[in-house]
Amino acid sequence: MDIEMPSLFRAALEDFRWDGIAHMPYKQDGTAPFKDISRQVLFHEDSLGCELRYFEMDAAGYSTLERHEHMHAVMILRGHGACLLGDEIRAVKPHDLVTIPAWTWHQFRANAGEKMGFLCMVNVQRDRPQLPTEEELAAMKRNPAVADFLNRDHLKPMVRGRESHS
């Protein structure tokens, strides 16, 4: 049986890329709940049950506003930005570690005029993210800091079923 074993070493290349790792830009179709973000799966091991991924956003990019059952950890590697974590907004910079508990609304934004990249450790087997309903989004926006974060940069947050126009 010919099974190719994954490389035990992946050299770092320029501009936060790694040798032999596919760089996968997310589809930009105008309805996506994220903007200008790419993903690289750096490590995937079923026997450990984990996956290490690198996400990178362009200067005005952002991740999906979502929550899910699985917790995960995010370490900022490149750039500066902001993170919504539950009902708090945090400025983030290289080497900051953000632990995202289960069912916590979260979103990352590259809002400092530069690219922002982060490592994300997750379970191999995980549930699918949930987008907020219109009611959940309205509840989040009752917090003025969260409302400001979500309304910045002409972002139209996605809600389950359709796009919000708030």
Protein backbone atom coordinates (compact mmCIF):
# COMPACT_ATOMS: atom_id res chain seq x y z
CA MET A 1 0.00 0.00 0.00
CA ASP A 2 1.45 3.38 -1.03
CA ILE A 3 0.57 5.94 1.60
CA GLU A 4 2.43 9.22 1.58
CA MET A 5 3.38 10.19 5.11
CA PRO A 6 3.09 13.87 5.94
CA SER A 7 6.38 15.69 6.26
CA LEU A 8 7.70 15.94 9.79
CA PHE A 9 9.21 19.33 8.96
CA ARG A 10 7.71 22.24 7.07
CA ALA A 11 10.10 25.11 6.45
CA ALA A 12 8.77 28.62 6.98
CA LEU A 13 8.80 30.65 3.79
CA GLU A 14 8.47 34.38 3.30
CA ASP A 15 5.28 36.24 4.11
CA PHE A 16 3.81 33.70 6.55
CA ARG A 17 3.69 30.75 4.18
CA TRP A 18 5.02 27.24 4.78
CA ASP A 19 6.65 24.74 2.44
CA GLY A 20 4.19 22.19 1.09
CA ILE A 21 1.13 23.85 2.67
CA ALA A 22 -1.73 24.92 0.42
CA HIS A 23 -2.71 28.59 0.71
CA MET A 24 -6.49 28.67 0.38
CA PRO A 25 -8.12 32.05 -0.12
CA TYR A 26 -11.71 32.03 1.02
CA LYS A 27 -14.29 32.64 -1.66
CA GLN A 28 -15.27 36.30 -2.00
CA ASP A 29 -18.76 36.33 -3.42
CA GLY A 30 -20.37 39.29 -1.68
CA THR A 31 -22.50 37.14 0.62
CA ALA A 32 -19.72 35.64 2.71
CA PRO A 33 -19.75 36.40 6.45
CA PHE A 34 -16.02 37.12 6.30
CA LYS A 35 -13.81 39.35 4.15
CA ASP A 36 -10.31 39.09 2.69
CA ILE A 37 -9.16 36.09 4.70
CA SER A 38 -7.11 33.02 3.80
CA ARG A 39 -6.37 29.72 5.52
CA GLN A 40 -3.47 27.29 5.66
CA VAL A 41 -3.82 23.96 7.49
CA LEU A 42 -0.38 23.54 9.05
CA PHE A 43 -1.00 20.38 11.06
CA HIS A 44 -3.78 17.79 11.12
CA GLU A 45 -3.51 14.66 13.22
CA ASP A 46 -6.47 12.39 13.81
CA SER A 47 -4.68 10.43 16.57
CA LEU A 48 -4.19 13.66 18.55
CA GLY A 49 -7.61 14.95 17.58
CA CYS A 50 -6.35 18.41 16.69
CA GLU A 51 -5.66 20.71 13.78
CA LEU A 52 -3.45 23.79 13.68
CA ARG A 53 -4.41 26.41 11.10
CA TYR A 54 -3.06 29.80 10.10
CA PHE A 55 -5.57 32.45 9.06
CA GLU A 56 -4.61 35.78 7.60
CA MET A 57 -6.72 38.84 6.86
CA ASP A 58 -5.88 41.73 4.59
CA ALA A 59 -5.80 45.20 6.14
CA ALA A 60 -9.60 45.54 6.23
CA GLY A 61 -10.44 41.85 6.56
CA TYR A 62 -12.43 40.10 9.23
CA SER A 63 -13.41 36.61 10.28
CA THR A 64 -16.93 35.29 10.62
CA LEU A 65 -19.06 36.49 13.53
CA GLU A 66 -19.91 33.06 14.93
CA ARG A 67 -20.18 30.71 17.86
CA HIS A 68 -19.97 26.93 18.19
CA GLU A 69 -19.86 24.12 20.72
CA HIS A 70 -16.12 23.53 20.43
CA MET A 71 -13.65 25.77 22.19
CA HIS A 72 -10.46 26.81 20.47
CA ALA A 73 -7.31 28.83 20.99
CA VAL A 74 -6.03 31.65 18.78
CA MET A 75 -2.54 33.17 18.90
CA ILE A 76 -1.91 36.36 16.97
CA LEU A 77 1.31 36.05 14.95
CA ARG A 78 1.22 39.07 12.68
CA GLY A 79 -0.26 42.56 12.79
CA HIS A 80 -2.70 44.26 15.09
CA GLY A 81 -6.46 44.35 15.25
CA ALA A 82 -9.43 43.72 17.46
CA CYS A 83 -11.33 40.73 18.73
CA LEU A 84 -14.93 40.42 19.83
CA LEU A 85 -15.05 37.82 22.59
CA GLY A 86 -18.52 37.46 24.07
CA ASP A 87 -19.48 40.95 25.17
CA GLU A 88 -15.93 42.35 25.24
CA ILE A 89 -13.78 44.00 22.58
CA ARG A 90 -10.05 43.43 22.95
CA ALA A 91 -7.18 44.98 21.04
CA VAL A 92 -4.88 42.17 19.83
CA LYS A 93 -1.21 42.16 18.85
CA PRO A 94 1.48 39.57 18.07
CA HIS A 95 1.80 36.78 20.63
CA ASP A 96 -1.53 37.52 22.35
CA LEU A 97 -3.38 34.29 23.11
CA VAL A 98 -7.18 34.28 22.96
CA THR A 99 -9.09 31.29 24.37
CA ILE A 100 -12.59 31.09 22.93
CA PRO A 101 -14.95 29.14 25.20
CA ALA A 102 -17.79 27.02 23.82
CA TRP A 103 -20.83 28.97 22.59
CA THR A 104 -19.06 32.36 22.80
CA TRP A 105 -19.69 34.86 20.01
CA HIS A 106 -16.38 35.88 18.47
CA GLN A 107 -14.90 37.71 15.51
CA PHE A 108 -11.41 38.97 14.60
CA ARG A 109 -10.73 42.14 12.62
CA ALA A 110 -7.63 43.56 11.00
CA ASN A 111 -8.53 47.16 11.72
CA ALA A 112 -5.09 48.75 12.17
CA GLY A 113 -4.34 49.32 8.47
CA GLU A 114 -2.18 46.18 8.20
CA LYS A 115 -2.52 42.46 7.61
CA MET A 116 -3.30 40.37 10.65
CA GLY A 117 -2.53 36.66 10.94
CA PHE A 118 -3.20 34.11 13.65
CA LEU A 119 -2.76 30.46 14.52
CA CYS A 120 -5.93 28.61 15.45
CA MET A 121 -5.92 25.25 17.28
CA VAL A 122 -9.16 23.27 17.00
CA ASN A 123 -10.44 19.74 17.35
CA VAL A 124 -10.36 17.63 14.21
CA GLN A 125 -13.97 16.60 14.87
CA ARG A 126 -15.94 19.76 15.51
CA ASP A 127 -19.41 21.16 15.09
CA ARG A 128 -20.31 23.69 12.42
CA PRO A 129 -20.30 27.37 13.40
CA GLN A 130 -23.58 29.16 13.99
CA LEU A 131 -24.31 32.64 12.69
CA PRO A 132 -26.39 34.96 14.88
CA THR A 133 -30.11 35.33 14.35
CA GLU A 134 -31.48 38.86 13.95
CA GLU A 135 -32.57 38.73 17.60
CA GLU A 136 -29.14 37.57 18.80
CA LEU A 137 -27.44 40.29 16.75
CA ALA A 138 -29.80 42.92 18.19
CA ALA A 139 -29.03 41.67 21.72
CA MET A 140 -25.27 41.90 21.07
CA LYS A 141 -25.68 45.45 19.77
CA ARG A 142 -27.32 46.59 23.02
CA ASN A 143 -23.75 46.77 24.29
CA PRO A 144 -22.44 50.06 22.80
CA ALA A 145 -18.85 48.79 22.43
CA VAL A 146 -20.03 45.68 20.59
CA ALA A 147 -22.37 47.73 18.40
CA ASP A 148 -19.49 50.04 17.47
CA PHE A 149 -17.26 47.04 16.68
CA LEU A 150 -19.91 45.36 14.51
CA ASN A 151 -20.92 48.55 12.67
CA ARG A 152 -17.37 49.65 11.84
CA ASP A 153 -15.99 49.60 8.32
CA HIS A 154 -19.35 49.24 6.59
CA LEU A 155 -19.63 45.62 7.80
CA LYS A 156 -23.01 44.05 7.34
CA PRO A 157 -23.01 41.17 9.85
CA MET A 158 -24.48 37.95 8.57
CA VAL A 159 -27.46 36.48 10.33
CA ARG A 160 -28.87 33.00 10.00
CA GLY A 161 -30.83 32.86 6.80
CA ARG A 162 -29.91 36.22 5.29
CA GLU A 163 -27.73 39.27 5.50
CA SER A 164 -28.44 41.97 8.07
CA HIS A 165 -28.70 45.55 6.87
CA SER A 166 -27.84 47.16 10.18
